[in-house]
Amino acid sequence: MNARAVYVDSLSKRAKIPFLLRIAWRIIAMPASEKAPAPATPLAAYTIPKFCEAHDISERFYFKMRDAGLGPREMRIGRAVRISLKAAADWAEAREKANS
């Protein structure tokens, strides 16, 4: 039997295996990072860029509001500035009341 005949025989045997079984090894062999995304950790506090992104405002406008005393309460953790979720909610509520 020559090499071509062996190749054809192996293809015919392989074709008899159901489709899901043929691809199952690919799913099992896939690294864990590609199988499913890791669950997102809940957000505890915003950084200023994340706060601006979440509230659809520019960072420049954020700093203008902060300088005018209209920004959300900030907390410092070391050198990092964070805005708690409660402070962000209070700020949004205050902005709604100011505009109504």
PDB file of N, CA and C in Angstrom:
ATOM      1  N   MET A   1       0.852  -1.175   0.000  1.00  0.00           N
ATOM      2  CA  MET A   1       0.000   0.000   0.000  1.00  0.00           C
ATOM      3  C   MET A   1       0.896   1.236   0.000  1.00  0.00           C
ATOM      4  N   ASN A   2       0.639   2.143  -0.902  1.00  0.00           N
ATOM      5  CA  ASN A   2       1.488   3.330  -0.969  1.00  0.00           C
ATOM      6  C   ASN A   2       0.965   4.422  -0.021  1.00  0.00           C
ATOM      7  N   ALA A   3       1.706   5.491   0.078  1.00  0.00           N
ATOM      8  CA  ALA A   3       1.373   6.563   1.017  1.00  0.00           C
ATOM      9  C   ALA A   3       0.049   7.220   0.661  1.00  0.00           C
ATOM     10  N   ARG A   4      -0.249   7.333  -0.614  1.00  0.00           N
ATOM     11  CA  ARG A   4      -1.501   7.973  -1.025  1.00  0.00           C
ATOM     12  C   ARG A   4      -2.697   7.148  -0.560  1.00  0.00           C
ATOM     13  N   ALA A   5      -2.626   5.842  -0.665  1.00  0.00           N
ATOM     14  CA  ALA A   5      -3.727   4.975  -0.243  1.00  0.00           C
ATOM     15  C   ALA A   5      -3.944   5.078   1.263  1.00  0.00           C
ATOM     16  N   VAL A   6      -2.878   5.144   2.035  1.00  0.00           N
ATOM     17  CA  VAL A   6      -2.999   5.276   3.490  1.00  0.00           C
ATOM     18  C   VAL A   6      -3.675   6.601   3.826  1.00  0.00           C
ATOM     19  N   TYR A   7      -3.303   7.650   3.126  1.00  0.00           N
ATOM     20  CA  TYR A   7      -3.882   8.973   3.365  1.00  0.00           C
ATOM     21  C   TYR A   7      -5.385   8.955   3.079  1.00  0.00           C
ATOM     22  N   VAL A   8      -5.795   8.342   1.965  1.00  0.00           N
ATOM     23  CA  VAL A   8      -7.213   8.267   1.603  1.00  0.00           C
ATOM     24  C   VAL A   8      -7.973   7.454   2.634  1.00  0.00           C
ATOM     25  N   ASP A   9      -7.396   6.324   3.100  1.00  0.00           N
ATOM     26  CA  ASP A   9      -8.054   5.507   4.119  1.00  0.00           C
ATOM     27  C   ASP A   9      -8.235   6.289   5.414  1.00  0.00           C
ATOM     28  N   SER A  10      -7.239   7.053   5.812  1.00  0.00           N
ATOM     29  CA  SER A  10      -7.359   7.803   7.057  1.00  0.00           C
ATOM     30  C   SER A  10      -8.430   8.885   6.933  1.00  0.00           C
ATOM     31  N   LEU A  11      -8.585   9.472   5.745  1.00  0.00           N
ATOM     32  CA  LEU A  11      -9.634  10.471   5.545  1.00  0.00           C
ATOM     33  C   LEU A  11     -11.014   9.842   5.624  1.00  0.00           C
ATOM     34  N   SER A  12     -11.165   8.663   5.032  1.00  0.00           N
ATOM     35  CA  SER A  12     -12.486   8.034   5.059  1.00  0.00           C
ATOM     36  C   SER A  12     -12.858   7.631   6.480  1.00  0.00           C
ATOM     37  N   LYS A  13     -11.894   7.165   7.280  1.00  0.00           N
ATOM     38  CA  LYS A  13     -12.178   6.829   8.679  1.00  0.00           C
ATOM     39  C   LYS A  13     -12.524   8.091   9.457  1.00  0.00           C
ATOM     40  N   ARG A  14     -11.810   9.143   9.172  1.00  0.00           N
ATOM     41  CA  ARG A  14     -12.032  10.399   9.887  1.00  0.00           C
ATOM     42  C   ARG A  14     -13.398  10.986   9.537  1.00  0.00           C
ATOM     43  N   ALA A  15     -13.828  10.801   8.298  1.00  0.00           N
ATOM     44  CA  ALA A  15     -15.109  11.348   7.863  1.00  0.00           C
ATOM     45  C   ALA A  15     -16.277  10.680   8.575  1.00  0.00           C
ATOM     46  N   LYS A  16     -16.073   9.464   9.101  1.00  0.00           N
ATOM     47  CA  LYS A  16     -17.142   8.750   9.795  1.00  0.00           C
ATOM     48  C   LYS A  16     -17.356   9.265  11.211  1.00  0.00           C
ATOM     49  N   ILE A  17     -16.397   9.990  11.752  1.00  0.00           N
ATOM     50  CA  ILE A  17     -16.522  10.518  13.109  1.00  0.00           C
ATOM     51  C   ILE A  17     -17.491  11.696  13.068  1.00  0.00           C
ATOM     52  N   PRO A  18     -18.456  11.738  13.981  1.00  0.00           N
ATOM     53  CA  PRO A  18     -19.399  12.863  13.981  1.00  0.00           C
ATOM     54  C   PRO A  18     -18.674  14.201  14.124  1.00  0.00           C
ATOM     55  N   PHE A  19     -19.293  15.222  13.576  1.00  0.00           N
ATOM     56  CA  PHE A  19     -18.688  16.553  13.521  1.00  0.00           C
ATOM     57  C   PHE A  19     -18.273  17.058  14.896  1.00  0.00           C
ATOM     58  N   LEU A  20     -19.139  16.944  15.876  1.00  0.00           N
ATOM     59  CA  LEU A  20     -18.819  17.480  17.202  1.00  0.00           C
ATOM     60  C   LEU A  20     -17.623  16.780  17.828  1.00  0.00           C
ATOM     61  N   LEU A  21     -17.500  15.487  17.597  1.00  0.00           N
ATOM     62  CA  LEU A  21     -16.346  14.779  18.146  1.00  0.00           C
ATOM     63  C   LEU A  21     -15.062  15.205  17.454  1.00  0.00           C
ATOM     64  N   ARG A  22     -15.158  15.565  16.178  1.00  0.00           N
ATOM     65  CA  ARG A  22     -13.962  16.000  15.466  1.00  0.00           C
ATOM     66  C   ARG A  22     -13.455  17.335  15.972  1.00  0.00           C
ATOM     67  N   ILE A  23     -14.354  18.212  16.405  1.00  0.00           N
ATOM     68  CA  ILE A  23     -13.893  19.516  16.880  1.00  0.00           C
ATOM     69  C   ILE A  23     -13.740  19.570  18.390  1.00  0.00           C
ATOM     70  N   ALA A  24     -14.212  18.545  19.097  1.00  0.00           N
ATOM     71  CA  ALA A  24     -14.151  18.576  20.563  1.00  0.00           C
ATOM     72  C   ALA A  24     -12.716  18.704  21.055  1.00  0.00           C
ATOM     73  N   TRP A  25     -11.782  18.059  20.417  1.00  0.00           N
ATOM     74  CA  TRP A  25     -10.387  18.142  20.866  1.00  0.00           C
ATOM     75  C   TRP A  25      -9.869  19.562  20.782  1.00  0.00           C
ATOM     76  N   ARG A  26     -10.380  20.355  19.816  1.00  0.00           N
ATOM     77  CA  ARG A  26      -9.932  21.747  19.695  1.00  0.00           C
ATOM     78  C   ARG A  26     -10.401  22.571  20.887  1.00  0.00           C
ATOM     79  N   ILE A  27     -11.621  22.323  21.316  1.00  0.00           N
ATOM     80  CA  ILE A  27     -12.167  23.058  22.455  1.00  0.00           C
ATOM     81  C   ILE A  27     -11.438  22.664  23.732  1.00  0.00           C
ATOM     82  N   ILE A  28     -11.170  21.380  23.906  1.00  0.00           N
ATOM     83  CA  ILE A  28     -10.480  20.906  25.104  1.00  0.00           C
ATOM     84  C   ILE A  28      -9.044  21.403  25.126  1.00  0.00           C
ATOM     85  N   ALA A  29      -8.394  21.425  23.965  1.00  0.00           N
ATOM     86  CA  ALA A  29      -6.992  21.830  23.898  1.00  0.00           C
ATOM     87  C   ALA A  29      -6.801  23.340  23.960  1.00  0.00           C
ATOM     88  N   MET A  30      -7.888  24.095  23.879  1.00  0.00           N
ATOM     89  CA  MET A  30      -7.798  25.551  23.891  1.00  0.00           C
ATOM     90  C   MET A  30      -7.361  26.041  25.271  1.00  0.00           C
ATOM     91  N   PRO A  31      -6.476  27.020  25.341  1.00  0.00           N
ATOM     92  CA  PRO A  31      -6.071  27.556  26.642  1.00  0.00           C
ATOM     93  C   PRO A  31      -7.269  28.132  27.391  1.00  0.00           C
ATOM     94  N   ALA A  32      -7.207  28.103  28.708  1.00  0.00           N
ATOM     95  CA  ALA A  32      -8.320  28.562  29.534  1.00  0.00           C
ATOM     96  C   ALA A  32      -8.685  30.010  29.245  1.00  0.00           C
ATOM     97  N   SER A  33      -7.703  30.829  28.900  1.00  0.00           N
ATOM     98  CA  SER A  33      -7.981  32.241  28.636  1.00  0.00           C
ATOM     99  C   SER A  33      -8.839  32.430  27.391  1.00  0.00           C
ATOM    100  N   GLU A  34      -8.830  31.472  26.474  1.00  0.00           N
ATOM    101  CA  GLU A  34      -9.617  31.590  25.253  1.00  0.00           C
ATOM    102  C   GLU A  34     -10.972  30.916  25.376  1.00  0.00           C
ATOM    103  N   LYS A  35     -11.165  30.035  26.363  1.00  0.00           N
ATOM    104  CA  LYS A  35     -12.423  29.310  26.491  1.00  0.00           C
ATOM    105  C   LYS A  35     -13.567  30.242  26.856  1.00  0.00           C
ATOM    106  N   ALA A  36     -13.404  31.004  27.895  1.00  0.00           N
ATOM    107  CA  ALA A  36     -14.455  31.921  28.332  1.00  0.00           C
ATOM    108  C   ALA A  36     -13.791  33.108  29.013  1.00  0.00           C
ATOM    109  N   PRO A  37     -14.331  34.281  28.808  1.00  0.00           N
ATOM    110  CA  PRO A  37     -13.737  35.437  29.480  1.00  0.00           C
ATOM    111  C   PRO A  37     -13.927  35.339  30.988  1.00  0.00           C
ATOM    112  N   ALA A  38     -12.979  35.862  31.713  1.00  0.00           N
ATOM    113  CA  ALA A  38     -13.070  35.852  33.168  1.00  0.00           C
ATOM    114  C   ALA A  38     -14.210  36.763  33.594  1.00  0.00           C
ATOM    115  N   PRO A  39     -14.907  36.398  34.657  1.00  0.00           N
ATOM    116  CA  PRO A  39     -15.985  37.266  35.111  1.00  0.00           C
ATOM    117  C   PRO A  39     -15.431  38.614  35.546  1.00  0.00           C
ATOM    118  N   ALA A  40     -16.137  39.658  35.195  1.00  0.00           N
ATOM    119  CA  ALA A  40     -15.678  41.008  35.519  1.00  0.00           C
ATOM    120  C   ALA A  40     -15.782  41.246  37.021  1.00  0.00           C
ATOM    121  N   THR A  41     -14.752  41.836  37.578  1.00  0.00           N
ATOM    122  CA  THR A  41     -14.804  42.167  38.996  1.00  0.00           C
ATOM    123  C   THR A  41     -15.680  43.400  39.163  1.00  0.00           C
ATOM    124  N   PRO A  42     -16.481  43.424  40.207  1.00  0.00           N
ATOM    125  CA  PRO A  42     -17.359  44.579  40.389  1.00  0.00           C
ATOM    126  C   PRO A  42     -16.555  45.845  40.640  1.00  0.00           C
ATOM    127  N   LEU A  43     -17.033  46.933  40.091  1.00  0.00           N
ATOM    128  CA  LEU A  43     -16.357  48.215  40.212  1.00  0.00           C
ATOM    129  C   LEU A  43     -16.591  48.769  41.607  1.00  0.00           C
ATOM    130  N   ALA A  44     -15.524  49.124  42.306  1.00  0.00           N
ATOM    131  CA  ALA A  44     -15.635  49.682  43.653  1.00  0.00           C
ATOM    132  C   ALA A  44     -15.576  51.199  43.618  1.00  0.00           C
ATOM    133  N   ALA A  45     -14.776  51.750  42.728  1.00  0.00           N
ATOM    134  CA  ALA A  45     -14.641  53.204  42.616  1.00  0.00           C
ATOM    135  C   ALA A  45     -14.118  53.534  41.227  1.00  0.00           C
ATOM    136  N   TYR A  46     -14.456  54.718  40.763  1.00  0.00           N
ATOM    137  CA  TYR A  46     -14.004  55.191  39.456  1.00  0.00           C
ATOM    138  C   TYR A  46     -12.668  55.910  39.572  1.00  0.00           C
ATOM    139  N   THR A  47     -11.848  55.775  38.555  1.00  0.00           N
ATOM    140  CA  THR A  47     -10.750  56.714  38.362  1.00  0.00           C
ATOM    141  C   THR A  47     -11.374  57.899  37.627  1.00  0.00           C
ATOM    142  N   ILE A  48     -10.681  59.002  37.536  1.00  0.00           N
ATOM    143  CA  ILE A  48     -11.260  60.161  36.852  1.00  0.00           C
ATOM    144  C   ILE A  48     -11.540  59.850  35.375  1.00  0.00           C
ATOM    145  N   PRO A  49     -10.611  59.219  34.638  1.00  0.00           N
ATOM    146  CA  PRO A  49     -10.931  58.889  33.239  1.00  0.00           C
ATOM    147  C   PRO A  49     -12.131  57.943  33.107  1.00  0.00           C
ATOM    148  N   LYS A  50     -12.234  56.947  33.996  1.00  0.00           N
ATOM    149  CA  LYS A  50     -13.360  56.006  33.942  1.00  0.00           C
ATOM    150  C   LYS A  50     -14.669  56.706  34.297  1.00  0.00           C
ATOM    151  N   PHE A  51     -14.627  57.618  35.273  1.00  0.00           N
ATOM    152  CA  PHE A  51     -15.810  58.384  35.648  1.00  0.00           C
ATOM    153  C   PHE A  51     -16.289  59.214  34.459  1.00  0.00           C
ATOM    154  N   CYS A  52     -15.358  59.887  33.798  1.00  0.00           N
ATOM    155  CA  CYS A  52     -15.711  60.722  32.647  1.00  0.00           C
ATOM    156  C   CYS A  52     -16.286  59.877  31.514  1.00  0.00           C
ATOM    157  N   GLU A  53     -15.703  58.712  31.289  1.00  0.00           N
ATOM    158  CA  GLU A  53     -16.202  57.813  30.251  1.00  0.00           C
ATOM    159  C   GLU A  53     -17.607  57.328  30.596  1.00  0.00           C
ATOM    160  N   ALA A  54     -17.821  56.956  31.860  1.00  0.00           N
ATOM    161  CA  ALA A  54     -19.120  56.442  32.287  1.00  0.00           C
ATOM    162  C   ALA A  54     -20.212  57.505  32.201  1.00  0.00           C
ATOM    163  N   HIS A  55     -19.846  58.762  32.423  1.00  0.00           N
ATOM    164  CA  HIS A  55     -20.836  59.839  32.421  1.00  0.00           C
ATOM    165  C   HIS A  55     -20.804  60.668  31.136  1.00  0.00           C
ATOM    166  N   ASP A  56     -20.030  60.211  30.174  1.00  0.00           N
ATOM    167  CA  ASP A  56     -19.971  60.818  28.844  1.00  0.00           C
ATOM    168  C   ASP A  56     -19.627  62.308  28.892  1.00  0.00           C
ATOM    169  N   ILE A  57     -18.597  62.620  29.666  1.00  0.00           N
ATOM    170  CA  ILE A  57     -18.082  63.991  29.706  1.00  0.00           C
ATOM    171  C   ILE A  57     -16.579  63.936  29.464  1.00  0.00           C
ATOM    172  N   SER A  58     -16.017  65.042  29.036  1.00  0.00           N
ATOM    173  CA  SER A  58     -14.570  65.070  28.810  1.00  0.00           C
ATOM    174  C   SER A  58     -13.860  65.311  30.138  1.00  0.00           C
ATOM    175  N   GLU A  59     -12.608  64.924  30.198  1.00  0.00           N
ATOM    176  CA  GLU A  59     -11.827  65.169  31.414  1.00  0.00           C
ATOM    177  C   GLU A  59     -11.646  66.666  31.638  1.00  0.00           C
ATOM    178  N   ARG A  60     -11.508  67.401  30.570  1.00  0.00           N
ATOM    179  CA  ARG A  60     -11.360  68.859  30.686  1.00  0.00           C
ATOM    180  C   ARG A  60     -12.597  69.465  31.359  1.00  0.00           C
ATOM    181  N   PHE A  61     -13.790  69.026  30.940  1.00  0.00           N
ATOM    182  CA  PHE A  61     -15.030  69.523  31.534  1.00  0.00           C
ATOM    183  C   PHE A  61     -15.133  69.099  33.000  1.00  0.00           C
ATOM    184  N   TYR A  62     -14.680  67.872  33.292  1.00  0.00           N
ATOM    185  CA  TYR A  62     -14.679  67.398  34.683  1.00  0.00           C
ATOM    186  C   TYR A  62     -13.855  68.343  35.561  1.00  0.00           C
ATOM    187  N   PHE A  63     -12.656  68.684  35.111  1.00  0.00           N
ATOM    188  CA  PHE A  63     -11.790  69.547  35.916  1.00  0.00           C
ATOM    189  C   PHE A  63     -12.353  70.965  36.026  1.00  0.00           C
ATOM    190  N   LYS A  64     -13.029  71.441  34.987  1.00  0.00           N
ATOM    191  CA  LYS A  64     -13.687  72.750  35.076  1.00  0.00           C
ATOM    192  C   LYS A  64     -14.790  72.713  36.130  1.00  0.00           C
ATOM    193  N   MET A  65     -15.574  71.627  36.138  1.00  0.00           N
ATOM    194  CA  MET A  65     -16.649  71.499  37.135  1.00  0.00           C
ATOM    195  C   MET A  65     -16.072  71.374  38.540  1.00  0.00           C
ATOM    196  N   ARG A  66     -15.000  70.608  38.663  1.00  0.00           N
ATOM    197  CA  ARG A  66     -14.372  70.436  39.978  1.00  0.00           C
ATOM    198  C   ARG A  66     -13.841  71.768  40.495  1.00  0.00           C
ATOM    199  N   ASP A  67     -13.211  72.545  39.634  1.00  0.00           N
ATOM    200  CA  ASP A  67     -12.684  73.853  40.038  1.00  0.00           C
ATOM    201  C   ASP A  67     -13.800  74.811  40.437  1.00  0.00           C
ATOM    202  N   ALA A  68     -14.980  74.638  39.831  1.00  0.00           N
ATOM    203  CA  ALA A  68     -16.127  75.486  40.160  1.00  0.00           C
ATOM    204  C   ALA A  68     -16.885  74.966  41.383  1.00  0.00           C
ATOM    205  N   GLY A  69     -16.441  73.837  41.946  1.00  0.00           N
ATOM    206  CA  GLY A  69     -17.104  73.262  43.118  1.00  0.00           C
ATOM    207  C   GLY A  69     -18.318  72.416  42.775  1.00  0.00           C
ATOM    208  N   LEU A  70     -18.452  72.015  41.520  1.00  0.00           N
ATOM    209  CA  LEU A  70     -19.606  71.232  41.081  1.00  0.00           C
ATOM    210  C   LEU A  70     -19.273  69.769  40.788  1.00  0.00           C
ATOM    211  N   GLY A  71     -18.061  69.353  41.076  1.00  0.00           N
ATOM    212  CA  GLY A  71     -17.652  67.977  40.799  1.00  0.00           C
ATOM    213  C   GLY A  71     -18.077  67.028  41.903  1.00  0.00           C
ATOM    214  N   PRO A  72     -17.932  65.738  41.685  1.00  0.00           N
ATOM    215  CA  PRO A  72     -18.262  64.752  42.717  1.00  0.00           C
ATOM    216  C   PRO A  72     -17.204  64.740  43.822  1.00  0.00           C
ATOM    217  N   ARG A  73     -17.573  64.177  44.969  1.00  0.00           N
ATOM    218  CA  ARG A  73     -16.600  64.023  46.058  1.00  0.00           C
ATOM    219  C   ARG A  73     -15.513  63.052  45.608  1.00  0.00           C
ATOM    220  N   GLU A  74     -14.294  63.384  45.937  1.00  0.00           N
ATOM    221  CA  GLU A  74     -13.151  62.538  45.579  1.00  0.00           C
ATOM    222  C   GLU A  74     -12.522  61.983  46.841  1.00  0.00           C
ATOM    223  N   MET A  75     -11.883  60.851  46.700  1.00  0.00           N
ATOM    224  CA  MET A  75     -11.090  60.307  47.805  1.00  0.00           C
ATOM    225  C   MET A  75      -9.712  59.977  47.262  1.00  0.00           C
ATOM    226  N   ARG A  76      -8.734  60.079  48.117  1.00  0.00           N
ATOM    227  CA  ARG A  76      -7.359  59.773  47.722  1.00  0.00           C
ATOM    228  C   ARG A  76      -6.935  58.472  48.383  1.00  0.00           C
ATOM    229  N   ILE A  77      -6.358  57.615  47.568  1.00  0.00           N
ATOM    230  CA  ILE A  77      -5.778  56.365  48.048  1.00  0.00           C
ATOM    231  C   ILE A  77      -4.324  56.433  47.621  1.00  0.00           C
ATOM    232  N   GLY A  78      -3.471  56.806  48.562  1.00  0.00           N
ATOM    233  CA  GLY A  78      -2.083  57.093  48.205  1.00  0.00           C
ATOM    234  C   GLY A  78      -2.079  58.330  47.326  1.00  0.00           C
ATOM    235  N   ARG A  79      -1.525  58.202  46.140  1.00  0.00           N
ATOM    236  CA  ARG A  79      -1.513  59.323  45.194  1.00  0.00           C
ATOM    237  C   ARG A  79      -2.667  59.249  44.204  1.00  0.00           C
ATOM    238  N   ALA A  80      -3.396  58.141  44.236  1.00  0.00           N
ATOM    239  CA  ALA A  80      -4.485  57.941  43.276  1.00  0.00           C
ATOM    240  C   ALA A  80      -5.762  58.634  43.749  1.00  0.00           C
ATOM    241  N   VAL A  81      -6.472  59.223  42.809  1.00  0.00           N
ATOM    242  CA  VAL A  81      -7.756  59.864  43.097  1.00  0.00           C
ATOM    243  C   VAL A  81      -8.855  58.932  42.611  1.00  0.00           C
ATOM    244  N   ARG A  82      -9.815  58.651  43.483  1.00  0.00           N
ATOM    245  CA  ARG A  82     -10.937  57.776  43.146  1.00  0.00           C
ATOM    246  C   ARG A  82     -12.243  58.477  43.491  1.00  0.00           C
ATOM    247  N   ILE A  83     -13.305  58.080  42.795  1.00  0.00           N
ATOM    248  CA  ILE A  83     -14.648  58.585  43.047  1.00  0.00           C
ATOM    249  C   ILE A  83     -15.505  57.365  43.350  1.00  0.00           C
ATOM    250  N   SER A  84     -16.059  57.306  44.555  1.00  0.00           N
ATOM    251  CA  SER A  84     -16.861  56.142  44.934  1.00  0.00           C
ATOM    252  C   SER A  84     -18.148  56.110  44.116  1.00  0.00           C
ATOM    253  N   LEU A  85     -18.755  54.938  44.052  1.00  0.00           N
ATOM    254  CA  LEU A  85     -20.000  54.803  43.309  1.00  0.00           C
ATOM    255  C   LEU A  85     -21.098  55.648  43.939  1.00  0.00           C
ATOM    256  N   LYS A  86     -21.113  55.717  45.271  1.00  0.00           N
ATOM    257  CA  LYS A  86     -22.108  56.534  45.970  1.00  0.00           C
ATOM    258  C   LYS A  86     -21.900  58.011  45.652  1.00  0.00           C
ATOM    259  N   ALA A  87     -20.656  58.468  45.656  1.00  0.00           N
ATOM    260  CA  ALA A  87     -20.374  59.868  45.330  1.00  0.00           C
ATOM    261  C   ALA A  87     -20.791  60.181  43.893  1.00  0.00           C
ATOM    262  N   ALA A  88     -20.577  59.242  42.988  1.00  0.00           N
ATOM    263  CA  ALA A  88     -20.979  59.446  41.593  1.00  0.00           C
ATOM    264  C   ALA A  88     -22.498  59.527  41.479  1.00  0.00           C
ATOM    265  N   ALA A  89     -23.203  58.658  42.215  1.00  0.00           N
ATOM    266  CA  ALA A  89     -24.668  58.683  42.184  1.00  0.00           C
ATOM    267  C   ALA A  89     -25.200  59.976  42.794  1.00  0.00           C
ATOM    268  N   ASP A  90     -24.606  60.399  43.916  1.00  0.00           N
ATOM    269  CA  ASP A  90     -25.015  61.661  44.550  1.00  0.00           C
ATOM    270  C   ASP A  90     -24.772  62.839  43.612  1.00  0.00           C
ATOM    271  N   TRP A  91     -23.645  62.831  42.925  1.00  0.00           N
ATOM    272  CA  TRP A  91     -23.309  63.899  41.979  1.00  0.00           C
ATOM    273  C   TRP A  91     -24.324  63.944  40.837  1.00  0.00           C
ATOM    274  N   ALA A  92     -24.659  62.771  40.290  1.00  0.00           N
ATOM    275  CA  ALA A  92     -25.622  62.717  39.184  1.00  0.00           C
ATOM    276  C   ALA A  92     -26.988  63.228  39.644  1.00  0.00           C
ATOM    277  N   GLU A  93     -27.383  62.856  40.855  1.00  0.00           N
ATOM    278  CA  GLU A  93     -28.665  63.318  41.396  1.00  0.00           C
ATOM    279  C   GLU A  93     -28.656  64.837  41.589  1.00  0.00           C
ATOM    280  N   ALA A  94     -27.558  65.373  42.097  1.00  0.00           N
ATOM    281  CA  ALA A  94     -27.441  66.824  42.287  1.00  0.00           C
ATOM    282  C   ALA A  94     -27.487  67.558  40.945  1.00  0.00           C
ATOM    283  N   ARG A  95     -26.860  66.981  39.915  1.00  0.00           N
ATOM    284  CA  ARG A  95     -26.893  67.607  38.587  1.00  0.00           C
ATOM    285  C   ARG A  95     -28.321  67.601  38.032  1.00  0.00           C
ATOM    286  N   GLU A  96     -29.063  66.498  38.284  1.00  0.00           N
ATOM    287  CA  GLU A  96     -30.450  66.434  37.813  1.00  0.00           C
ATOM    288  C   GLU A  96     -31.297  67.506  38.491  1.00  0.00           C
ATOM    289  N   LYS A  97     -31.125  67.645  39.808  1.00  0.00           N
ATOM    290  CA  LYS A  97     -31.905  68.640  40.555  1.00  0.00           C
ATOM    291  C   LYS A  97     -31.545  70.055  40.123  1.00  0.00           C
ATOM    292  N   ALA A  98     -30.277  70.302  39.835  1.00  0.00           N
ATOM    293  CA  ALA A  98     -29.841  71.636  39.428  1.00  0.00           C
ATOM    294  C   ALA A  98     -30.404  72.017  38.059  1.00  0.00           C
ATOM    295  N   ASN A  99     -30.641  71.028  37.220  1.00  0.00           N
ATOM    296  CA  ASN A  99     -31.128  71.304  35.865  1.00  0.00           C
ATOM    297  C   ASN A  99     -32.643  71.261  35.748  1.00  0.00           C
ATOM    298  N   SER A 100     -33.342  70.966  36.839  1.00  0.00           N
ATOM    299  CA  SER A 100     -34.808  70.903  36.738  1.00  0.00           C
ATOM    300  C   SER A 100     -35.473  72.093  37.370  1.00  0.00           C
TER     301      SER A 100
END
